[in-house]
All heavy atoms as atom14 arrays in JSON, in Angstrom:
{
  "sequence": "VLMRSDHNKAFSRPIKEALDALGIRYSDPDAVEDMLAEPANRRML",
  "atom14_mask": [
    [1, 1, 1, 1, 1, 1, 1, 0, 0, 0, 0, 0, 0, 0],
    [1, 1, 1, 1, 1, 1, 1, 1, 0, 0, 0, 0, 0, 0],
    [1, 1, 1, 1, 1, 1, 1, 1, 0, 0, 0, 0, 0, 0],
    [1, 1, 1, 1, 1, 1, 1, 1, 1, 1, 1, 0, 0, 0],
    [1, 1, 1, 1, 1, 1, 0, 0, 0, 0, 0, 0, 0, 0],
    [1, 1, 1, 1, 1, 1, 1, 1, 0, 0, 0, 0, 0, 0],
    [1, 1, 1, 1, 1, 1, 1, 1, 1, 1, 0, 0, 0, 0],
    [1, 1, 1, 1, 1, 1, 1, 1, 0, 0, 0, 0, 0, 0],
    [1, 1, 1, 1, 1, 1, 1, 1, 1, 0, 0, 0, 0, 0],
    [1, 1, 1, 1, 1, 0, 0, 0, 0, 0, 0, 0, 0, 0],
    [1, 1, 1, 1, 1, 1, 1, 1, 1, 1, 1, 0, 0, 0],
    [1, 1, 1, 1, 1, 1, 0, 0, 0, 0, 0, 0, 0, 0],
    [1, 1, 1, 1, 1, 1, 1, 1, 1, 1, 1, 0, 0, 0],
    [1, 1, 1, 1, 1, 1, 1, 0, 0, 0, 0, 0, 0, 0],
    [1, 1, 1, 1, 1, 1, 1, 1, 0, 0, 0, 0, 0, 0],
    [1, 1, 1, 1, 1, 1, 1, 1, 1, 0, 0, 0, 0, 0],
    [1, 1, 1, 1, 1, 1, 1, 1, 1, 0, 0, 0, 0, 0],
    [1, 1, 1, 1, 1, 0, 0, 0, 0, 0, 0, 0, 0, 0],
    [1, 1, 1, 1, 1, 1, 1, 1, 0, 0, 0, 0, 0, 0],
    [1, 1, 1, 1, 1, 1, 1, 1, 0, 0, 0, 0, 0, 0],
    [1, 1, 1, 1, 1, 0, 0, 0, 0, 0, 0, 0, 0, 0],
    [1, 1, 1, 1, 1, 1, 1, 1, 0, 0, 0, 0, 0, 0],
    [1, 1, 1, 1, 0, 0, 0, 0, 0, 0, 0, 0, 0, 0],
    [1, 1, 1, 1, 1, 1, 1, 1, 0, 0, 0, 0, 0, 0],
    [1, 1, 1, 1, 1, 1, 1, 1, 1, 1, 1, 0, 0, 0],
    [1, 1, 1, 1, 1, 1, 1, 1, 1, 1, 1, 1, 0, 0],
    [1, 1, 1, 1, 1, 1, 0, 0, 0, 0, 0, 0, 0, 0],
    [1, 1, 1, 1, 1, 1, 1, 1, 0, 0, 0, 0, 0, 0],
    [1, 1, 1, 1, 1, 1, 1, 0, 0, 0, 0, 0, 0, 0],
    [1, 1, 1, 1, 1, 1, 1, 1, 0, 0, 0, 0, 0, 0],
    [1, 1, 1, 1, 1, 0, 0, 0, 0, 0, 0, 0, 0, 0],
    [1, 1, 1, 1, 1, 1, 1, 0, 0, 0, 0, 0, 0, 0],
    [1, 1, 1, 1, 1, 1, 1, 1, 1, 0, 0, 0, 0, 0],
    [1, 1, 1, 1, 1, 1, 1, 1, 0, 0, 0, 0, 0, 0],
    [1, 1, 1, 1, 1, 1, 1, 1, 0, 0, 0, 0, 0, 0],
    [1, 1, 1, 1, 1, 1, 1, 1, 0, 0, 0, 0, 0, 0],
    [1, 1, 1, 1, 1, 0, 0, 0, 0, 0, 0, 0, 0, 0],
    [1, 1, 1, 1, 1, 1, 1, 1, 1, 0, 0, 0, 0, 0],
    [1, 1, 1, 1, 1, 1, 1, 0, 0, 0, 0, 0, 0, 0],
    [1, 1, 1, 1, 1, 0, 0, 0, 0, 0, 0, 0, 0, 0],
    [1, 1, 1, 1, 1, 1, 1, 1, 0, 0, 0, 0, 0, 0],
    [1, 1, 1, 1, 1, 1, 1, 1, 1, 1, 1, 0, 0, 0],
    [1, 1, 1, 1, 1, 1, 1, 1, 1, 1, 1, 0, 0, 0],
    [1, 1, 1, 1, 1, 1, 1, 1, 0, 0, 0, 0, 0, 0],
    [1, 1, 1, 1, 1, 1, 1, 1, 0, 0, 0, 0, 0, 0]
  ],
  "atom14_positions": [
    [[0.86, -1.18, 0.0], [0.0, 0.0, 0.0], [0.9, 1.23, 0.0], [1.71, 1.41, 0.91], [-0.93, 0.02, 1.23], [-1.77, 1.3, 1.23], [-1.83, -1.21, 1.22], [0.0, 0.0, 0.0], [0.0, 0.0, 0.0], [0.0, 0.0, 0.0], [0.0, 0.0, 0.0], [0.0, 0.0, 0.0], [0.0, 0.0, 0.0], [0.0, 0.0, 0.0]],
    [[0.77, 2.06, -1.01], [1.6, 3.25, -1.14], [0.78, 4.5, -0.84], [-0.37, 4.59, -1.26], [2.18, 3.35, -2.55], [3.09, 2.21, -3.0], [3.48, 2.4, -4.47], [4.33, 2.14, -2.14], [0.0, 0.0, 0.0], [0.0, 0.0, 0.0], [0.0, 0.0, 0.0], [0.0, 0.0, 0.0], [0.0, 0.0, 0.0], [0.0, 0.0, 0.0]],
    [[1.39, 5.43, -0.13], [0.74, 6.71, 0.16], [1.68, 7.84, -0.19], [2.89, 7.74, 0.06], [0.37, 6.78, 1.64], [-0.8, 5.89, 2.0], [-0.94, 5.62, 3.78], [0.35, 4.41, 4.02], [0.0, 0.0, 0.0], [0.0, 0.0, 0.0], [0.0, 0.0, 0.0], [0.0, 0.0, 0.0], [0.0, 0.0, 0.0], [0.0, 0.0, 0.0]],
    [[1.15, 8.88, -0.79], [1.99, 9.99, -1.22], [2.62, 10.71, -0.03], [3.76, 11.17, -0.08], [1.17, 10.98, -2.05], [2.0, 12.07, -2.72], [1.15, 12.89, -3.65], [1.95, 13.86, -4.37], [2.22, 15.09, -3.92], [1.75, 15.46, -2.74], [2.93, 15.92, -4.63], [0.0, 0.0, 0.0], [0.0, 0.0, 0.0], [0.0, 0.0, 0.0]],
    [[1.88, 10.82, 1.06], [2.38, 11.41, 2.29], [1.61, 10.79, 3.44], [0.57, 10.16, 3.25], [2.23, 12.93, 2.28], [0.86, 13.28, 2.21], [0.0, 0.0, 0.0], [0.0, 0.0, 0.0], [0.0, 0.0, 0.0], [0.0, 0.0, 0.0], [0.0, 0.0, 0.0], [0.0, 0.0, 0.0], [0.0, 0.0, 0.0], [0.0, 0.0, 0.0]],
    [[2.14, 10.97, 4.66], [1.45, 10.37, 5.82], [1.81, 11.14, 7.08], [2.22, 10.57, 8.08], [1.86, 8.89, 5.95], [0.98, 8.12, 6.93], [-0.2, 8.5, 7.05], [1.47, 7.16, 7.55], [0.0, 0.0, 0.0], [0.0, 0.0, 0.0], [0.0, 0.0, 0.0], [0.0, 0.0, 0.0], [0.0, 0.0, 0.0], [0.0, 0.0, 0.0]],
    [[1.63, 12.46, 7.03], [1.98, 13.3, 8.17], [1.15, 12.9, 9.39], [-0.08, 12.82, 9.33], [1.75, 14.78, 7.83], [2.15, 15.71, 8.92], [3.45, 15.83, 9.38], [1.41, 16.58, 9.67], [3.5, 16.73, 10.33], [2.28, 17.19, 10.53], [0.0, 0.0, 0.0], [0.0, 0.0, 0.0], [0.0, 0.0, 0.0], [0.0, 0.0, 0.0]],
    [[1.85, 12.64, 10.51], [1.2, 12.22, 11.74], [0.32, 10.98, 11.53], [-0.67, 10.78, 12.23], [0.37, 13.35, 12.34], [1.23, 14.47, 12.88], [2.35, 14.24, 13.32], [0.71, 15.7, 12.84], [0.0, 0.0, 0.0], [0.0, 0.0, 0.0], [0.0, 0.0, 0.0], [0.0, 0.0, 0.0], [0.0, 0.0, 0.0], [0.0, 0.0, 0.0]],
    [[0.67, 10.18, 10.54], [-0.02, 8.91, 10.23], [-1.5, 9.14, 9.9], [-2.35, 8.27, 10.16], [0.12, 7.93, 11.41], [1.59, 7.63, 11.75], [1.7, 6.61, 12.86], [3.19, 6.34, 13.16], [3.37, 5.33, 14.22], [0.0, 0.0, 0.0], [0.0, 0.0, 0.0], [0.0, 0.0, 0.0], [0.0, 0.0, 0.0], [0.0, 0.0, 0.0]],
    [[-1.78, 10.28, 9.3], [-3.17, 10.63, 8.99], [-3.8, 9.66, 8.01], [-5.01, 9.42, 8.06], [-3.23, 12.05, 8.44], [0.0, 0.0, 0.0], [0.0, 0.0, 0.0], [0.0, 0.0, 0.0], [0.0, 0.0, 0.0], [0.0, 0.0, 0.0], [0.0, 0.0, 0.0], [0.0, 0.0, 0.0], [0.0, 0.0, 0.0], [0.0, 0.0, 0.0]],
    [[-3.02, 9.11, 7.08], [-3.57, 8.2, 6.08], [-3.39, 6.73, 6.48], [-4.25, 5.9, 6.21], [-2.93, 8.45, 4.72], [-3.22, 9.81, 4.16], [-2.27, 10.82, 4.21], [-4.46, 10.1, 3.61], [-2.54, 12.08, 3.71], [-4.74, 11.35, 3.11], [-3.78, 12.36, 3.17], [0.0, 0.0, 0.0], [0.0, 0.0, 0.0], [0.0, 0.0, 0.0]],
    [[-2.27, 6.41, 7.09], [-2.01, 5.01, 7.41], [-2.85, 4.52, 8.6], [-3.28, 3.37, 8.62], [-0.52, 4.79, 7.72], [-0.12, 5.53, 8.86], [0.0, 0.0, 0.0], [0.0, 0.0, 0.0], [0.0, 0.0, 0.0], [0.0, 0.0, 0.0], [0.0, 0.0, 0.0], [0.0, 0.0, 0.0], [0.0, 0.0, 0.0], [0.0, 0.0, 0.0]],
    [[-3.11, 5.39, 9.59], [-3.82, 4.94, 10.78], [-5.21, 4.4, 10.46], [-5.57, 3.3, 10.93], [-3.91, 6.07, 11.81], [-4.53, 5.62, 13.13], [-4.61, 6.75, 14.15], [-3.28, 7.18, 14.58], [-2.73, 8.34, 14.23], [-3.41, 9.18, 13.44], [-1.54, 8.67, 14.66], [0.0, 0.0, 0.0], [0.0, 0.0, 0.0], [0.0, 0.0, 0.0]],
    [[-6.04, 5.1, 9.67], [-7.37, 4.54, 9.36], [-7.28, 3.2, 8.61], [-8.12, 2.31, 8.83], [-8.02, 5.61, 8.48], [-7.3, 6.87, 8.81], [-5.9, 6.47, 9.1], [0.0, 0.0, 0.0], [0.0, 0.0, 0.0], [0.0, 0.0, 0.0], [0.0, 0.0, 0.0], [0.0, 0.0, 0.0], [0.0, 0.0, 0.0], [0.0, 0.0, 0.0]],
    [[-6.28, 3.05, 7.73], [-6.15, 1.79, 7.0], [-5.75, 0.67, 7.96], [-6.27, -0.45, 7.89], [-5.13, 1.94, 5.86], [-5.64, 2.94, 4.83], [-4.86, 0.6, 5.19], [-4.68, 3.23, 3.7], [0.0, 0.0, 0.0], [0.0, 0.0, 0.0], [0.0, 0.0, 0.0], [0.0, 0.0, 0.0], [0.0, 0.0, 0.0], [0.0, 0.0, 0.0]],
    [[-4.83, 0.96, 8.88], [-4.43, -0.06, 9.86], [-5.62, -0.48, 10.71], [-5.8, -1.68, 10.99], [-3.31, 0.49, 10.75], [-1.99, 0.73, 10.04], [-0.99, 1.39, 10.99], [0.29, 1.76, 10.27], [1.25, 2.46, 11.15], [0.0, 0.0, 0.0], [0.0, 0.0, 0.0], [0.0, 0.0, 0.0], [0.0, 0.0, 0.0], [0.0, 0.0, 0.0]],
    [[-6.42, 0.5, 11.13], [-7.59, 0.17, 11.94], [-8.58, -0.7, 11.17], [-9.17, -1.64, 11.72], [-8.26, 1.46, 12.41], [-7.41, 2.26, 13.41], [-7.99, 3.63, 13.7], [-8.96, 4.03, 13.0], [-7.47, 4.32, 14.61], [0.0, 0.0, 0.0], [0.0, 0.0, 0.0], [0.0, 0.0, 0.0], [0.0, 0.0, 0.0], [0.0, 0.0, 0.0]],
    [[-8.73, -0.4, 9.88], [-9.65, -1.21, 9.05], [-9.1, -2.62, 8.85], [-9.86, -3.6, 8.85], [-9.87, -0.52, 7.71], [0.0, 0.0, 0.0], [0.0, 0.0, 0.0], [0.0, 0.0, 0.0], [0.0, 0.0, 0.0], [0.0, 0.0, 0.0], [0.0, 0.0, 0.0], [0.0, 0.0, 0.0], [0.0, 0.0, 0.0], [0.0, 0.0, 0.0]],
    [[-7.79, -2.74, 8.69], [-7.18, -4.07, 8.56], [-7.29, -4.85, 9.86], [-7.57, -6.05, 9.85], [-5.71, -3.92, 8.16], [-5.44, -3.4, 6.75], [-3.96, -3.06, 6.58], [-5.86, -4.41, 5.7], [0.0, 0.0, 0.0], [0.0, 0.0, 0.0], [0.0, 0.0, 0.0], [0.0, 0.0, 0.0], [0.0, 0.0, 0.0], [0.0, 0.0, 0.0]],
    [[-7.11, -4.16, 10.99], [-7.25, -4.82, 12.29], [-8.67, -5.34, 12.47], [-8.87, -6.45, 13.0], [-6.92, -3.83, 13.42], [-5.43, -3.51, 13.5], [-4.62, -4.33, 13.01], [-5.09, -2.43, 14.03], [0.0, 0.0, 0.0], [0.0, 0.0, 0.0], [0.0, 0.0, 0.0], [0.0, 0.0, 0.0], [0.0, 0.0, 0.0], [0.0, 0.0, 0.0]],
    [[-9.66, -4.56, 12.02], [-11.06, -4.98, 12.17], [-11.35, -6.25, 11.38], [-12.22, -7.04, 11.77], [-11.99, -3.85, 11.71], [0.0, 0.0, 0.0], [0.0, 0.0, 0.0], [0.0, 0.0, 0.0], [0.0, 0.0, 0.0], [0.0, 0.0, 0.0], [0.0, 0.0, 0.0], [0.0, 0.0, 0.0], [0.0, 0.0, 0.0], [0.0, 0.0, 0.0]],
    [[-10.62, -6.46, 10.28], [-10.82, -7.67, 9.46], [-9.86, -8.8, 9.85], [-9.88, -9.86, 9.24], [-10.63, -7.33, 7.98], [-11.66, -6.38, 7.37], [-11.29, -6.07, 5.92], [-13.06, -6.98, 7.44], [0.0, 0.0, 0.0], [0.0, 0.0, 0.0], [0.0, 0.0, 0.0], [0.0, 0.0, 0.0], [0.0, 0.0, 0.0], [0.0, 0.0, 0.0]],
    [[-9.03, -8.55, 10.85], [-8.08, -9.58, 11.28], [-6.94, -9.81, 10.3], [-6.35, -10.88, 10.28], [0.0, 0.0, 0.0], [0.0, 0.0, 0.0], [0.0, 0.0, 0.0], [0.0, 0.0, 0.0], [0.0, 0.0, 0.0], [0.0, 0.0, 0.0], [0.0, 0.0, 0.0], [0.0, 0.0, 0.0], [0.0, 0.0, 0.0], [0.0, 0.0, 0.0]],
    [[-6.62, -8.79, 9.5], [-5.53, -8.89, 8.53], [-4.27, -8.29, 9.15], [-4.26, -7.12, 9.52], [-5.88, -8.17, 7.22], [-7.14, -8.77, 6.6], [-4.72, -8.23, 6.23], [-7.65, -8.02, 5.38], [0.0, 0.0, 0.0], [0.0, 0.0, 0.0], [0.0, 0.0, 0.0], [0.0, 0.0, 0.0], [0.0, 0.0, 0.0], [0.0, 0.0, 0.0]],
    [[-3.23, -9.1, 9.25], [-1.98, -8.62, 9.84], [-1.11, -7.99, 8.76], [-1.21, -8.33, 7.58], [-1.26, -9.76, 10.55], [-2.13, -10.44, 11.6], [-1.38, -11.55, 12.29], [-0.83, -11.09, 13.57], [-0.07, -11.85, 14.36], [0.28, -13.06, 13.96], [0.37, -11.38, 15.51], [0.0, 0.0, 0.0], [0.0, 0.0, 0.0], [0.0, 0.0, 0.0]],
    [[-0.25, -7.09, 9.18], [0.55, -6.34, 8.23], [1.87, -5.96, 8.88], [2.01, -5.95, 10.11], [-0.19, -5.05, 7.8], [-0.7, -4.25, 8.96], [0.13, -3.33, 9.6], [-1.99, -4.44, 9.45], [-0.31, -2.6, 10.68], [-2.44, -3.72, 10.54], [-1.61, -2.8, 11.15], [-2.04, -2.1, 12.24], [0.0, 0.0, 0.0], [0.0, 0.0, 0.0]],
    [[2.84, -5.64, 8.07], [4.1, -5.11, 8.6], [4.03, -3.6, 8.55], [3.52, -3.01, 7.6], [5.29, -5.62, 7.79], [5.3, -5.06, 6.49], [0.0, 0.0, 0.0], [0.0, 0.0, 0.0], [0.0, 0.0, 0.0], [0.0, 0.0, 0.0], [0.0, 0.0, 0.0], [0.0, 0.0, 0.0], [0.0, 0.0, 0.0], [0.0, 0.0, 0.0]],
    [[4.53, -2.97, 9.59], [4.48, -1.52, 9.72], [5.9, -0.98, 9.6], [6.75, -1.29, 10.44], [3.88, -1.16, 11.08], [3.67, 0.33, 11.25], [4.22, 1.1, 10.43], [2.97, 0.72, 12.21], [0.0, 0.0, 0.0], [0.0, 0.0, 0.0], [0.0, 0.0, 0.0], [0.0, 0.0, 0.0], [0.0, 0.0, 0.0], [0.0, 0.0, 0.0]],
    [[6.2, -0.17, 8.6], [7.57, 0.34, 8.44], [8.02, 1.24, 9.58], [9.2, 1.49, 9.75], [7.51, 1.11, 7.11], [6.08, 1.47, 6.94], [5.31, 0.34, 7.55], [0.0, 0.0, 0.0], [0.0, 0.0, 0.0], [0.0, 0.0, 0.0], [0.0, 0.0, 0.0], [0.0, 0.0, 0.0], [0.0, 0.0, 0.0], [0.0, 0.0, 0.0]],
    [[7.06, 1.73, 10.39], [7.42, 2.55, 11.54], [7.74, 1.73, 12.78], [8.18, 2.28, 13.79], [6.28, 3.52, 11.88], [6.02, 4.52, 10.76], [6.99, 4.87, 10.06], [4.86, 4.94, 10.61], [0.0, 0.0, 0.0], [0.0, 0.0, 0.0], [0.0, 0.0, 0.0], [0.0, 0.0, 0.0], [0.0, 0.0, 0.0], [0.0, 0.0, 0.0]],
    [[7.53, 0.4, 12.71], [7.67, -0.43, 13.9], [9.09, -0.39, 14.46], [9.29, -0.29, 15.67], [7.26, -1.87, 13.59], [0.0, 0.0, 0.0], [0.0, 0.0, 0.0], [0.0, 0.0, 0.0], [0.0, 0.0, 0.0], [0.0, 0.0, 0.0], [0.0, 0.0, 0.0], [0.0, 0.0, 0.0], [0.0, 0.0, 0.0], [0.0, 0.0, 0.0]],
    [[10.09, -0.45, 13.57], [11.48, -0.45, 14.04], [11.83, 0.89, 14.68], [12.43, 0.95, 15.76], [12.44, -0.79, 12.89], [13.89, -0.61, 13.33], [12.22, -2.21, 12.4], [0.0, 0.0, 0.0], [0.0, 0.0, 0.0], [0.0, 0.0, 0.0], [0.0, 0.0, 0.0], [0.0, 0.0, 0.0], [0.0, 0.0, 0.0], [0.0, 0.0, 0.0]],
    [[11.43, 1.98, 14.01], [11.72, 3.31, 14.57], [11.03, 3.5, 15.92], [11.61, 4.06, 16.85], [11.28, 4.4, 13.6], [12.2, 4.57, 12.41], [11.84, 5.79, 11.58], [11.18, 6.69, 12.12], [12.22, 5.82, 10.4], [0.0, 0.0, 0.0], [0.0, 0.0, 0.0], [0.0, 0.0, 0.0], [0.0, 0.0, 0.0], [0.0, 0.0, 0.0]],
    [[9.79, 3.02, 16.02], [9.06, 3.14, 17.29], [9.77, 2.35, 18.38], [9.87, 2.8, 19.53], [7.62, 2.66, 17.13], [6.79, 3.56, 16.23], [7.22, 4.72, 16.01], [5.74, 3.12, 15.74], [0.0, 0.0, 0.0], [0.0, 0.0, 0.0], [0.0, 0.0, 0.0], [0.0, 0.0, 0.0], [0.0, 0.0, 0.0], [0.0, 0.0, 0.0]],
    [[10.25, 1.16, 18.03], [10.94, 0.33, 19.01], [12.25, 0.98, 19.46], [12.58, 1.0, 20.64], [11.22, -1.05, 18.41], [11.94, -2.01, 19.34], [12.19, -3.63, 18.6], [13.33, -3.2, 17.27], [0.0, 0.0, 0.0], [0.0, 0.0, 0.0], [0.0, 0.0, 0.0], [0.0, 0.0, 0.0], [0.0, 0.0, 0.0], [0.0, 0.0, 0.0]],
    [[13.0, 1.55, 18.5], [14.27, 2.17, 18.84], [14.09, 3.48, 19.59], [15.04, 3.98, 20.19], [15.08, 2.43, 17.56], [15.55, 1.18, 16.81], [16.34, 1.57, 15.58], [16.38, 0.27, 17.71], [0.0, 0.0, 0.0], [0.0, 0.0, 0.0], [0.0, 0.0, 0.0], [0.0, 0.0, 0.0], [0.0, 0.0, 0.0], [0.0, 0.0, 0.0]],
    [[12.89, 4.04, 19.56], [12.62, 5.28, 20.29], [12.24, 5.04, 21.74], [12.19, 5.99, 22.53], [11.51, 6.07, 19.59], [0.0, 0.0, 0.0], [0.0, 0.0, 0.0], [0.0, 0.0, 0.0], [0.0, 0.0, 0.0], [0.0, 0.0, 0.0], [0.0, 0.0, 0.0], [0.0, 0.0, 0.0], [0.0, 0.0, 0.0], [0.0, 0.0, 0.0]],
    [[12.0, 3.8, 22.13], [11.66, 3.51, 23.52], [12.85, 3.87, 24.41], [14.0, 3.55, 24.08], [11.27, 2.04, 23.68], [9.98, 1.69, 22.98], [9.57, 0.24, 23.22], [10.16, -0.38, 24.14], [8.69, -0.26, 22.52], [0.0, 0.0, 0.0], [0.0, 0.0, 0.0], [0.0, 0.0, 0.0], [0.0, 0.0, 0.0], [0.0, 0.0, 0.0]],
    [[12.61, 4.53, 25.54], [13.72, 5.01, 26.37], [14.75, 3.95, 26.73], [15.96, 4.21, 26.69], [13.0, 5.55, 27.61], [11.66, 5.98, 27.11], [11.3, 4.97, 26.06], [0.0, 0.0, 0.0], [0.0, 0.0, 0.0], [0.0, 0.0, 0.0], [0.0, 0.0, 0.0], [0.0, 0.0, 0.0], [0.0, 0.0, 0.0], [0.0, 0.0, 0.0]],
    [[14.31, 2.74, 27.11], [15.26, 1.7, 27.49], [16.16, 1.32, 26.32], [17.38, 1.18, 26.46], [14.51, 0.47, 28.01], [0.0, 0.0, 0.0], [0.0, 0.0, 0.0], [0.0, 0.0, 0.0], [0.0, 0.0, 0.0], [0.0, 0.0, 0.0], [0.0, 0.0, 0.0], [0.0, 0.0, 0.0], [0.0, 0.0, 0.0], [0.0, 0.0, 0.0]],
    [[15.57, 1.15, 25.15], [16.35, 0.8, 23.97], [17.28, 1.94, 23.57], [18.42, 1.71, 23.12], [15.44, 0.44, 22.8], [14.66, -0.84, 23.04], [15.11, -1.7, 23.8], [13.51, -0.97, 22.41], [0.0, 0.0, 0.0], [0.0, 0.0, 0.0], [0.0, 0.0, 0.0], [0.0, 0.0, 0.0], [0.0, 0.0, 0.0], [0.0, 0.0, 0.0]],
    [[16.82, 3.16, 23.73], [17.64, 4.31, 23.36], [18.84, 4.44, 24.31], [19.95, 4.72, 23.88], [16.76, 5.56, 23.4], [17.4, 6.83, 22.93], [18.14, 6.75, 21.64], [17.4, 6.28, 20.51], [17.86, 6.25, 19.26], [19.1, 6.66, 19.01], [17.13, 5.79, 18.28], [0.0, 0.0, 0.0], [0.0, 0.0, 0.0], [0.0, 0.0, 0.0]],
    [[18.63, 4.2, 25.6], [19.75, 4.21, 26.55], [20.75, 3.12, 26.2], [21.97, 3.34, 26.26], [19.23, 4.0, 27.97], [18.59, 5.23, 28.61], [17.98, 4.88, 29.95], [18.95, 4.26, 30.85], [18.61, 3.5, 31.89], [17.32, 3.26, 32.14], [19.53, 2.99, 32.66], [0.0, 0.0, 0.0], [0.0, 0.0, 0.0], [0.0, 0.0, 0.0]],
    [[20.25, 1.96, 25.84], [21.14, 0.86, 25.48], [21.97, 1.22, 24.25], [23.19, 1.04, 24.24], [20.31, -0.4, 25.2], [21.13, -1.62, 24.81], [20.12, -2.95, 24.13], [19.61, -2.24, 22.56], [0.0, 0.0, 0.0], [0.0, 0.0, 0.0], [0.0, 0.0, 0.0], [0.0, 0.0, 0.0], [0.0, 0.0, 0.0], [0.0, 0.0, 0.0]],
    [[21.33, 1.77, 23.22], [22.05, 2.13, 22.0], [23.11, 3.19, 22.27], [24.24, 3.11, 21.77], [21.06, 2.64, 20.94], [20.19, 1.6, 20.24], [19.17, 2.3, 19.36], [21.04, 0.66, 19.41], [0.0, 0.0, 0.0], [0.0, 0.0, 0.0], [0.0, 0.0, 0.0], [0.0, 0.0, 0.0], [0.0, 0.0, 0.0], [0.0, 0.0, 0.0]]
  ]
}
């Protein structure tokens, strides 16, 4: 799924919610960045 822009996840969030409602799993390109932004992981890095 391609989006021209996604400021503050304005376009991706509704699609993710709709996929969740249908039980369709997906990979999120923001998942790694979100994980690395967690304070414990950031202190470790």
